[in-house]
Amino acid sequence: MKVLLADDHELVRDTICAFLQSEKDMDVSVAADFAEAADIITRAGPFDLVLLDYTMPGMDGLEGLKKAMKLNFGSPVAIISGTINRANAEEALALGAAGFLPKTIAAKSLIHAIRFMAAGEQYAPVRFLTEIEEEQTHPLADKLSAREMQVLKGLAHGQSNKEIARDLDLQEVTIKLHVKTLCRKLDARNRTHAAMIAKEEGLL
């Protein structure tokens, strides 16, 4: 089985290469950037599997993937990365990548995945593709209730208490209480200052 591994991190490249070469039937070639990988594919390809680091020099993300797939005459090309997000990994798979391998993958799993992809199957870690990405919450937002956030948005839009009360179907006196609470929680001098703090801190 002919495999090409392209990665600009020498330690990563050498480590993965050592794992693969421990398999008697694997003939491994290496490249340090996309230009070198493209040259090797042109001269020695097609390969049973090409593994491309997503962020190496010259790769240009998914553009490199598409070029390599064409150069390898339709034979499997996969992405390997320690930083790619789920959206990009899914896009790579949609474009026809043989798979996606995180650099944290265990040695045995790496070998199995490579054989799987070389056989024409598509591989991606189920956990990586199914885990819910945690939403980043703003520290100031954690202090405020959903209703207080609604009132704060009204303040930021320059609305009066009466206008905010009408939009939220509440009593004006209730809005006054919310504004008072907002000023205390945001350490604001008044309603205008509260709106300024929210905008400056990127809360709205």
C-alpha atoms as a PDB file:
ATOM      1  CA  MET A   1       0.000   0.000   0.000  1.00  0.00           C
ATOM      2  CA  LYS A   2       1.430   3.356  -1.069  1.00  0.00           C
ATOM      3  CA  VAL A   3       0.779   6.198   1.372  1.00  0.00           C
ATOM      4  CA  LEU A   4       1.861   9.835   1.163  1.00  0.00           C
ATOM      5  CA  LEU A   5       1.957  11.850   4.388  1.00  0.00           C
ATOM      6  CA  ALA A   6       2.311  15.634   4.088  1.00  0.00           C
ATOM      7  CA  ASP A   7       2.805  17.649   7.270  1.00  0.00           C
ATOM      8  CA  ASP A   8       5.039  20.625   8.055  1.00  0.00           C
ATOM      9  CA  HIS A   9       5.612  19.577  11.691  1.00  0.00           C
ATOM     10  CA  GLU A  10       8.653  17.307  11.579  1.00  0.00           C
ATOM     11  CA  LEU A  11       7.942  15.574  14.889  1.00  0.00           C
ATOM     12  CA  VAL A  12       4.345  14.792  13.938  1.00  0.00           C
ATOM     13  CA  ARG A  13       5.410  13.666  10.471  1.00  0.00           C
ATOM     14  CA  ASP A  14       8.164  11.393  11.790  1.00  0.00           C
ATOM     15  CA  THR A  15       5.966   9.916  14.522  1.00  0.00           C
ATOM     16  CA  ILE A  16       3.082   9.046  12.204  1.00  0.00           C
ATOM     17  CA  CYS A  17       5.505   7.797   9.557  1.00  0.00           C
ATOM     18  CA  ALA A  18       7.101   5.447  12.114  1.00  0.00           C
ATOM     19  CA  PHE A  19       3.685   4.021  13.026  1.00  0.00           C
ATOM     20  CA  LEU A  20       2.845   3.391   9.392  1.00  0.00           C
ATOM     21  CA  GLN A  21       6.203   1.907   8.470  1.00  0.00           C
ATOM     22  CA  SER A  22       5.807  -0.648  11.263  1.00  0.00           C
ATOM     23  CA  GLU A  23       3.179  -2.212   8.992  1.00  0.00           C
ATOM     24  CA  LYS A  24       4.964  -4.530   6.571  1.00  0.00           C
ATOM     25  CA  ASP A  25       2.689  -3.789   3.630  1.00  0.00           C
ATOM     26  CA  MET A  26       2.907   0.019   3.830  1.00  0.00           C
ATOM     27  CA  ASP A  27       5.281   2.044   1.663  1.00  0.00           C
ATOM     28  CA  VAL A  28       5.311   5.579   3.085  1.00  0.00           C
ATOM     29  CA  SER A  29       6.472   8.787   1.363  1.00  0.00           C
ATOM     30  CA  VAL A  30       6.597  12.137   3.182  1.00  0.00           C
ATOM     31  CA  ALA A  31       6.372  15.822   2.290  1.00  0.00           C
ATOM     32  CA  ALA A  32       6.822  18.993   4.354  1.00  0.00           C
ATOM     33  CA  ASP A  33       4.378  21.265   2.508  1.00  0.00           C
ATOM     34  CA  PHE A  34       1.705  21.155  -0.163  1.00  0.00           C
ATOM     35  CA  ALA A  35       4.010  22.044  -3.064  1.00  0.00           C
ATOM     36  CA  GLU A  36       6.275  19.105  -2.238  1.00  0.00           C
ATOM     37  CA  ALA A  37       3.261  16.816  -1.803  1.00  0.00           C
ATOM     38  CA  ALA A  38       1.865  17.853  -5.191  1.00  0.00           C
ATOM     39  CA  ASP A  39       5.242  17.204  -6.831  1.00  0.00           C
ATOM     40  CA  ILE A  40       5.499  13.730  -5.266  1.00  0.00           C
ATOM     41  CA  ILE A  41       1.942  12.822  -6.316  1.00  0.00           C
ATOM     42  CA  THR A  42       2.708  13.950  -9.878  1.00  0.00           C
ATOM     43  CA  ARG A  43       5.969  11.986 -10.047  1.00  0.00           C
ATOM     44  CA  ALA A  44       5.145   8.867  -8.006  1.00  0.00           C
ATOM     45  CA  GLY A  45       1.355   8.754  -7.847  1.00  0.00           C
ATOM     46  CA  PRO A  46      -1.331   7.829  -7.709  1.00  0.00           C
ATOM     47  CA  PHE A  47      -1.115   6.785  -4.049  1.00  0.00           C
ATOM     48  CA  ASP A  48      -3.513   4.406  -2.310  1.00  0.00           C
ATOM     49  CA  LEU A  49      -3.978   7.189   0.239  1.00  0.00           C
ATOM     50  CA  VAL A  50      -2.729  10.769   0.579  1.00  0.00           C
ATOM     51  CA  LEU A  51      -2.828  12.363   4.043  1.00  0.00           C
ATOM     52  CA  LEU A  52      -2.682  16.174   4.048  1.00  0.00           C
ATOM     53  CA  ASP A  53      -2.186  18.441   7.053  1.00  0.00           C
ATOM     54  CA  TYR A  54      -4.972  21.026   6.895  1.00  0.00           C
ATOM     55  CA  THR A  55      -2.800  24.009   7.904  1.00  0.00           C
ATOM     56  CA  MET A  56       0.585  23.272   6.324  1.00  0.00           C
ATOM     57  CA  PRO A  57       2.202  25.863   4.022  1.00  0.00           C
ATOM     58  CA  GLY A  58       0.624  26.006   0.564  1.00  0.00           C
ATOM     59  CA  MET A  59      -2.395  23.934   1.556  1.00  0.00           C
ATOM     60  CA  ASP A  60      -4.887  26.817   1.488  1.00  0.00           C
ATOM     61  CA  GLY A  61      -7.411  24.736   3.399  1.00  0.00           C
ATOM     62  CA  LEU A  62      -9.922  22.898   1.263  1.00  0.00           C
ATOM     63  CA  GLU A  63      -8.448  24.260  -1.982  1.00  0.00           C
ATOM     64  CA  GLY A  64      -5.419  22.045  -1.431  1.00  0.00           C
ATOM     65  CA  LEU A  65      -7.692  19.082  -0.820  1.00  0.00           C
ATOM     66  CA  LYS A  66      -9.445  19.596  -4.164  1.00  0.00           C
ATOM     67  CA  LYS A  67      -6.138  19.967  -6.035  1.00  0.00           C
ATOM     68  CA  ALA A  68      -4.679  16.847  -4.430  1.00  0.00           C
ATOM     69  CA  MET A  69      -7.792  14.799  -5.245  1.00  0.00           C
ATOM     70  CA  LYS A  70      -7.406  15.765  -8.904  1.00  0.00           C
ATOM     71  CA  LEU A  71      -3.648  15.042  -8.913  1.00  0.00           C
ATOM     72  CA  ASN A  72      -4.182  11.637  -7.289  1.00  0.00           C
ATOM     73  CA  PHE A  73      -6.587  10.644 -10.085  1.00  0.00           C
ATOM     74  CA  GLY A  74      -9.532  10.148  -7.764  1.00  0.00           C
ATOM     75  CA  SER A  75      -7.722   7.834  -5.347  1.00  0.00           C
ATOM     76  CA  PRO A  76      -8.366   8.580  -1.642  1.00  0.00           C
ATOM     77  CA  VAL A  77      -7.135  11.864  -0.147  1.00  0.00           C
ATOM     78  CA  ALA A  78      -7.742  12.608   3.550  1.00  0.00           C
ATOM     79  CA  ILE A  79      -7.236  15.506   5.928  1.00  0.00           C
ATOM     80  CA  ILE A  80      -5.189  15.270   9.107  1.00  0.00           C
ATOM     81  CA  SER A  81      -5.255  18.128  11.609  1.00  0.00           C
ATOM     82  CA  GLY A  82      -5.014  19.120  15.231  1.00  0.00           C
ATOM     83  CA  THR A  83      -6.935  22.363  14.813  1.00  0.00           C
ATOM     84  CA  ILE A  84      -9.686  21.910  12.215  1.00  0.00           C
ATOM     85  CA  ASN A  85     -13.213  22.605  13.457  1.00  0.00           C
ATOM     86  CA  ARG A  86     -16.222  20.384  12.894  1.00  0.00           C
ATOM     87  CA  ALA A  87     -17.709  22.593  10.166  1.00  0.00           C
ATOM     88  CA  ASN A  88     -14.537  22.439   8.048  1.00  0.00           C
ATOM     89  CA  ALA A  89     -14.192  18.704   8.620  1.00  0.00           C
ATOM     90  CA  GLU A  90     -17.772  18.154   7.467  1.00  0.00           C
ATOM     91  CA  GLU A  91     -17.162  20.357   4.408  1.00  0.00           C
ATOM     92  CA  ALA A  92     -14.053  18.346   3.537  1.00  0.00           C
ATOM     93  CA  LEU A  93     -16.058  15.125   3.741  1.00  0.00           C
ATOM     94  CA  ALA A  94     -18.804  16.663   1.595  1.00  0.00           C
ATOM     95  CA  LEU A  95     -16.205  17.580  -1.053  1.00  0.00           C
ATOM     96  CA  GLY A  96     -15.186  13.939  -1.267  1.00  0.00           C
ATOM     97  CA  ALA A  97     -12.293  13.657   1.196  1.00  0.00           C
ATOM     98  CA  ALA A  98     -11.608  10.049   2.170  1.00  0.00           C
ATOM     99  CA  GLY A  99     -11.783  11.135   5.784  1.00  0.00           C
ATOM    100  CA  PHE A 100     -10.583  13.298   8.602  1.00  0.00           C
ATOM    101  CA  LEU A 101      -7.988  12.233  11.181  1.00  0.00           C
ATOM    102  CA  PRO A 102      -7.337  14.247  14.355  1.00  0.00           C
ATOM    103  CA  LYS A 103      -3.651  14.271  15.349  1.00  0.00           C
ATOM    104  CA  THR A 104      -4.677  12.942  18.743  1.00  0.00           C
ATOM    105  CA  ILE A 105      -5.812   9.630  17.220  1.00  0.00           C
ATOM    106  CA  ALA A 106      -4.318   6.508  18.815  1.00  0.00           C
ATOM    107  CA  ALA A 107      -1.740   4.544  16.800  1.00  0.00           C
ATOM    108  CA  LYS A 108      -3.921   1.448  16.351  1.00  0.00           C
ATOM    109  CA  SER A 109      -6.919   3.542  15.353  1.00  0.00           C
ATOM    110  CA  LEU A 110      -4.711   5.408  12.866  1.00  0.00           C
ATOM    111  CA  ILE A 111      -3.705   2.175  11.139  1.00  0.00           C
ATOM    112  CA  HIS A 112      -7.302   0.933  11.027  1.00  0.00           C
ATOM    113  CA  ALA A 113      -8.532   4.289   9.665  1.00  0.00           C
ATOM    114  CA  ILE A 114      -5.879   4.341   6.941  1.00  0.00           C
ATOM    115  CA  ARG A 115      -6.731   0.823   5.789  1.00  0.00           C
ATOM    116  CA  PHE A 116     -10.422   1.727   5.880  1.00  0.00           C
ATOM    117  CA  MET A 117      -9.918   4.827   3.704  1.00  0.00           C
ATOM    118  CA  ALA A 118      -7.530   3.099   1.304  1.00  0.00           C
ATOM    119  CA  ALA A 119     -10.281   0.514   0.753  1.00  0.00           C
ATOM    120  CA  GLY A 120     -12.532   3.284  -0.529  1.00  0.00           C
ATOM    121  CA  GLU A 121     -14.524   3.999   2.611  1.00  0.00           C
ATOM    122  CA  GLN A 122     -14.961   7.386   4.299  1.00  0.00           C
ATOM    123  CA  TYR A 123     -13.676   7.798   7.848  1.00  0.00           C
ATOM    124  CA  ALA A 124     -14.266  10.364  10.588  1.00  0.00           C
ATOM    125  CA  PRO A 125     -14.272   9.990  14.386  1.00  0.00           C
ATOM    126  CA  VAL A 126     -17.918   9.710  15.444  1.00  0.00           C
ATOM    127  CA  ARG A 127     -17.274  11.588  18.681  1.00  0.00           C
ATOM    128  CA  PHE A 128     -15.719  14.551  16.859  1.00  0.00           C
ATOM    129  CA  LEU A 129     -18.646  14.914  14.470  1.00  0.00           C
ATOM    130  CA  THR A 130     -21.414  14.411  17.026  1.00  0.00           C
ATOM    131  CA  GLU A 131     -20.220  16.302  20.070  1.00  0.00           C
ATOM    132  CA  ILE A 132     -22.022  19.593  20.664  1.00  0.00           C
ATOM    133  CA  GLU A 133     -19.711  22.581  20.493  1.00  0.00           C
ATOM    134  CA  GLU A 134     -20.119  24.550  23.687  1.00  0.00           C
ATOM    135  CA  GLU A 135     -21.552  28.002  23.239  1.00  0.00           C
ATOM    136  CA  GLN A 136     -19.377  30.725  24.646  1.00  0.00           C
ATOM    137  CA  THR A 137     -21.427  32.870  27.020  1.00  0.00           C
ATOM    138  CA  HIS A 138     -20.541  36.429  27.882  1.00  0.00           C
ATOM    139  CA  PRO A 139     -19.577  36.880  31.566  1.00  0.00           C
ATOM    140  CA  LEU A 140     -21.928  39.876  31.872  1.00  0.00           C
ATOM    141  CA  ALA A 141     -24.793  37.910  30.341  1.00  0.00           C
ATOM    142  CA  ASP A 142     -24.447  35.328  33.105  1.00  0.00           C
ATOM    143  CA  LYS A 143     -25.420  38.029  35.596  1.00  0.00           C
ATOM    144  CA  LEU A 144     -28.633  38.963  33.818  1.00  0.00           C
ATOM    145  CA  SER A 145     -31.980  37.242  33.419  1.00  0.00           C
ATOM    146  CA  ALA A 146     -33.569  36.788  29.999  1.00  0.00           C
ATOM    147  CA  ARG A 147     -36.029  39.598  30.780  1.00  0.00           C
ATOM    148  CA  GLU A 148     -33.230  41.949  31.870  1.00  0.00           C
ATOM    149  CA  MET A 149     -31.432  41.249  28.573  1.00  0.00           C
ATOM    150  CA  GLN A 150     -34.613  42.224  26.701  1.00  0.00           C
ATOM    151  CA  VAL A 151     -34.860  45.471  28.633  1.00  0.00           C
ATOM    152  CA  LEU A 152     -31.161  46.161  28.080  1.00  0.00           C
ATOM    153  CA  LYS A 153     -31.632  45.769  24.317  1.00  0.00           C
ATOM    154  CA  GLY A 154     -34.424  48.330  24.495  1.00  0.00           C
ATOM    155  CA  LEU A 155     -32.127  50.740  26.332  1.00  0.00           C
ATOM    156  CA  ALA A 156     -29.415  50.198  23.736  1.00  0.00           C
ATOM    157  CA  HIS A 157     -31.916  51.100  21.013  1.00  0.00           C
ATOM    158  CA  GLY A 158     -32.710  54.346  22.825  1.00  0.00           C
ATOM    159  CA  GLN A 159     -36.241  53.319  23.776  1.00  0.00           C
ATOM    160  CA  SER A 160     -38.084  54.894  26.687  1.00  0.00           C
ATOM    161  CA  ASN A 161     -39.455  52.813  29.557  1.00  0.00           C
ATOM    162  CA  LYS A 162     -42.916  53.234  28.077  1.00  0.00           C
ATOM    163  CA  GLU A 163     -41.804  51.929  24.665  1.00  0.00           C
ATOM    164  CA  ILE A 164     -39.983  48.952  26.183  1.00  0.00           C
ATOM    165  CA  ALA A 165     -43.038  48.169  28.332  1.00  0.00           C
ATOM    166  CA  ARG A 166     -45.255  48.206  25.248  1.00  0.00           C
ATOM    167  CA  ASP A 167     -42.941  45.922  23.266  1.00  0.00           C
ATOM    168  CA  LEU A 168     -42.625  43.424  26.113  1.00  0.00           C
ATOM    169  CA  ASP A 169     -46.283  43.694  27.140  1.00  0.00           C
ATOM    170  CA  LEU A 170     -45.328  44.743  30.688  1.00  0.00           C
ATOM    171  CA  GLN A 171     -46.208  47.588  33.036  1.00  0.00           C
ATOM    172  CA  GLU A 172     -43.987  50.654  32.854  1.00  0.00           C
ATOM    173  CA  VAL A 173     -43.304  50.413  36.583  1.00  0.00           C
ATOM    174  CA  THR A 174     -41.935  46.889  36.001  1.00  0.00           C
ATOM    175  CA  ILE A 175     -39.523  48.221  33.384  1.00  0.00           C
ATOM    176  CA  LYS A 176     -38.354  50.894  35.845  1.00  0.00           C
ATOM    177  CA  LEU A 177     -37.536  48.155  38.353  1.00  0.00           C
ATOM    178  CA  HIS A 178     -35.635  46.185  35.706  1.00  0.00           C
ATOM    179  CA  VAL A 179     -33.641  49.274  34.720  1.00  0.00           C
ATOM    180  CA  LYS A 180     -32.749  49.875  38.356  1.00  0.00           C
ATOM    181  CA  THR A 181     -31.590  46.270  38.709  1.00  0.00           C
ATOM    182  CA  LEU A 182     -29.614  46.483  35.458  1.00  0.00           C
ATOM    183  CA  CYS A 183     -27.771  49.588  36.643  1.00  0.00           C
ATOM    184  CA  ARG A 184     -26.851  47.813  39.879  1.00  0.00           C
ATOM    185  CA  LYS A 185     -25.681  44.621  38.179  1.00  0.00           C
ATOM    186  CA  LEU A 186     -23.684  46.444  35.503  1.00  0.00           C
ATOM    187  CA  ASP A 187     -22.360  49.034  37.963  1.00  0.00           C
ATOM    188  CA  ALA A 188     -23.853  51.737  35.739  1.00  0.00           C
ATOM    189  CA  ARG A 189     -24.695  55.304  36.803  1.00  0.00           C
ATOM    190  CA  ASN A 190     -27.909  55.441  34.761  1.00  0.00           C
ATOM    191  CA  ARG A 191     -29.782  53.814  31.868  1.00  0.00           C
ATOM    192  CA  THR A 192     -27.599  55.481  29.226  1.00  0.00           C
ATOM    193  CA  HIS A 193     -24.444  54.316  30.996  1.00  0.00           C
ATOM    194  CA  ALA A 194     -25.863  50.768  31.199  1.00  0.00           C
ATOM    195  CA  ALA A 195     -26.435  50.742  27.437  1.00  0.00           C
ATOM    196  CA  MET A 196     -22.905  52.075  26.845  1.00  0.00           C
ATOM    197  CA  ILE A 197     -21.368  49.354  29.047  1.00  0.00           C
ATOM    198  CA  ALA A 198     -23.312  46.647  27.194  1.00  0.00           C
ATOM    199  CA  LYS A 199     -22.117  47.915  23.812  1.00  0.00           C
ATOM    200  CA  GLU A 200     -18.493  48.475  24.863  1.00  0.00           C
ATOM    201  CA  GLU A 201     -18.270  44.998  26.415  1.00  0.00           C
ATOM    202  CA  GLY A 202     -19.769  43.369  23.318  1.00  0.00           C
ATOM    203  CA  LEU A 203     -22.784  42.119  25.225  1.00  0.00           C
ATOM    204  CA  LEU A 204     -25.183  43.307  22.519  1.00  0.00           C
END
